[in-house]
């Protein structure tokens, strides 16, 4: 498996966490930053969950 999607997900989580901190300081609307953080964590967990899935015999 390529490490590129894993690295991109980690960078997306860090970016959305930074944006969420700015939202908590009322520089960005929190109703925009919270779903962004949730989406980034959700994508990371789904990437980890799909990593070792049995795809059937070929």
C-alpha atoms as a PDB file:
ATOM      1  CA  UNK A   1       0.000   0.000   0.000  1.00  0.00           C
ATOM      2  CA  UNK A   2       1.175   3.436  -0.837  1.00  0.00           C
ATOM      3  CA  UNK A   3       1.946   5.804   2.018  1.00  0.00           C
ATOM      4  CA  UNK A   4       0.596   8.795   0.072  1.00  0.00           C
ATOM      5  CA  UNK A   5      -3.095   8.537   1.150  1.00  0.00           C
ATOM      6  CA  UNK A   6      -2.049   8.015   4.776  1.00  0.00           C
ATOM      7  CA  UNK A   7       0.208  11.082   4.680  1.00  0.00           C
ATOM      8  CA  UNK A   8      -2.450  13.186   2.975  1.00  0.00           C
ATOM      9  CA  UNK A   9      -5.017  12.221   5.613  1.00  0.00           C
ATOM     10  CA  UNK A  10      -2.645  13.163   8.420  1.00  0.00           C
ATOM     11  CA  UNK A  11      -1.941  16.514   6.770  1.00  0.00           C
ATOM     12  CA  UNK A  12      -5.672  17.088   6.245  1.00  0.00           C
ATOM     13  CA  UNK A  13      -6.333  16.357   9.928  1.00  0.00           C
ATOM     14  CA  UNK A  14      -3.611  18.771  11.033  1.00  0.00           C
ATOM     15  CA  UNK A  15      -4.898  21.459   8.688  1.00  0.00           C
ATOM     16  CA  UNK A  16      -8.493  21.056   9.836  1.00  0.00           C
ATOM     17  CA  UNK A  17      -7.392  21.022  13.481  1.00  0.00           C
ATOM     18  CA  UNK A  18      -5.589  24.325  12.942  1.00  0.00           C
ATOM     19  CA  UNK A  19      -8.645  25.789  11.200  1.00  0.00           C
ATOM     20  CA  UNK A  20     -10.828  24.521  14.060  1.00  0.00           C
ATOM     21  CA  UNK A  21      -8.609  26.282  16.613  1.00  0.00           C
ATOM     22  CA  UNK A  22      -9.037  29.458  14.589  1.00  0.00           C
ATOM     23  CA  UNK A  23     -12.771  28.820  14.657  1.00  0.00           C
ATOM     24  CA  UNK A  24     -12.683  28.494  18.432  1.00  0.00           C
ATOM     25  CA  UNK A  25     -10.964  31.883  18.559  1.00  0.00           C
ATOM     26  CA  UNK A  26     -13.907  33.218  16.497  1.00  0.00           C
ATOM     27  CA  UNK A  27     -11.822  34.008  13.426  1.00  0.00           C
ATOM     28  CA  UNK A  28     -13.756  31.503  11.298  1.00  0.00           C
ATOM     29  CA  UNK A  29     -17.315  30.299  11.813  1.00  0.00           C
ATOM     30  CA  UNK A  30     -17.396  27.193  13.997  1.00  0.00           C
ATOM     31  CA  UNK A  31     -20.233  25.657  11.962  1.00  0.00           C
ATOM     32  CA  UNK A  32     -17.786  25.474   9.036  1.00  0.00           C
ATOM     33  CA  UNK A  33     -14.710  24.242  10.889  1.00  0.00           C
ATOM     34  CA  UNK A  34     -16.270  21.500  13.029  1.00  0.00           C
ATOM     35  CA  UNK A  35     -17.687  19.465  10.106  1.00  0.00           C
ATOM     36  CA  UNK A  36     -14.343  19.850   8.342  1.00  0.00           C
ATOM     37  CA  UNK A  37     -12.540  18.318  11.316  1.00  0.00           C
ATOM     38  CA  UNK A  38     -15.148  15.566  11.584  1.00  0.00           C
ATOM     39  CA  UNK A  39     -14.813  14.772   7.865  1.00  0.00           C
ATOM     40  CA  UNK A  40     -11.032  14.574   8.067  1.00  0.00           C
ATOM     41  CA  UNK A  41     -11.097  12.195  11.061  1.00  0.00           C
ATOM     42  CA  UNK A  42     -13.835  10.117   9.406  1.00  0.00           C
ATOM     43  CA  UNK A  43     -11.814   9.746   6.192  1.00  0.00           C
ATOM     44  CA  UNK A  44      -8.721   8.738   8.167  1.00  0.00           C
ATOM     45  CA  UNK A  45     -10.616   6.077  10.139  1.00  0.00           C
ATOM     46  CA  UNK A  46     -12.256   4.717   7.006  1.00  0.00           C
ATOM     47  CA  UNK A  47      -8.839   4.545   5.314  1.00  0.00           C
ATOM     48  CA  UNK A  48      -7.439   2.560   8.236  1.00  0.00           C
ATOM     49  CA  UNK A  49     -10.507   0.317   8.336  1.00  0.00           C
ATOM     50  CA  UNK A  50     -10.296  -0.557   4.633  1.00  0.00           C
ATOM     51  CA  UNK A  51      -6.591  -1.385   4.737  1.00  0.00           C
ATOM     52  CA  UNK A  52      -6.658  -5.166   5.352  1.00  0.00           C
ATOM     53  CA  UNK A  53     -10.029  -6.140   3.918  1.00  0.00           C
ATOM     54  CA  UNK A  54     -10.514  -9.536   2.293  1.00  0.00           C
ATOM     55  CA  UNK A  55     -11.467  -8.941  -1.341  1.00  0.00           C
ATOM     56  CA  UNK A  56     -12.204 -12.511  -2.345  1.00  0.00           C
ATOM     57  CA  UNK A  57     -10.434 -15.158  -4.323  1.00  0.00           C
ATOM     58  CA  UNK A  58      -9.383 -14.408  -7.875  1.00  0.00           C
END
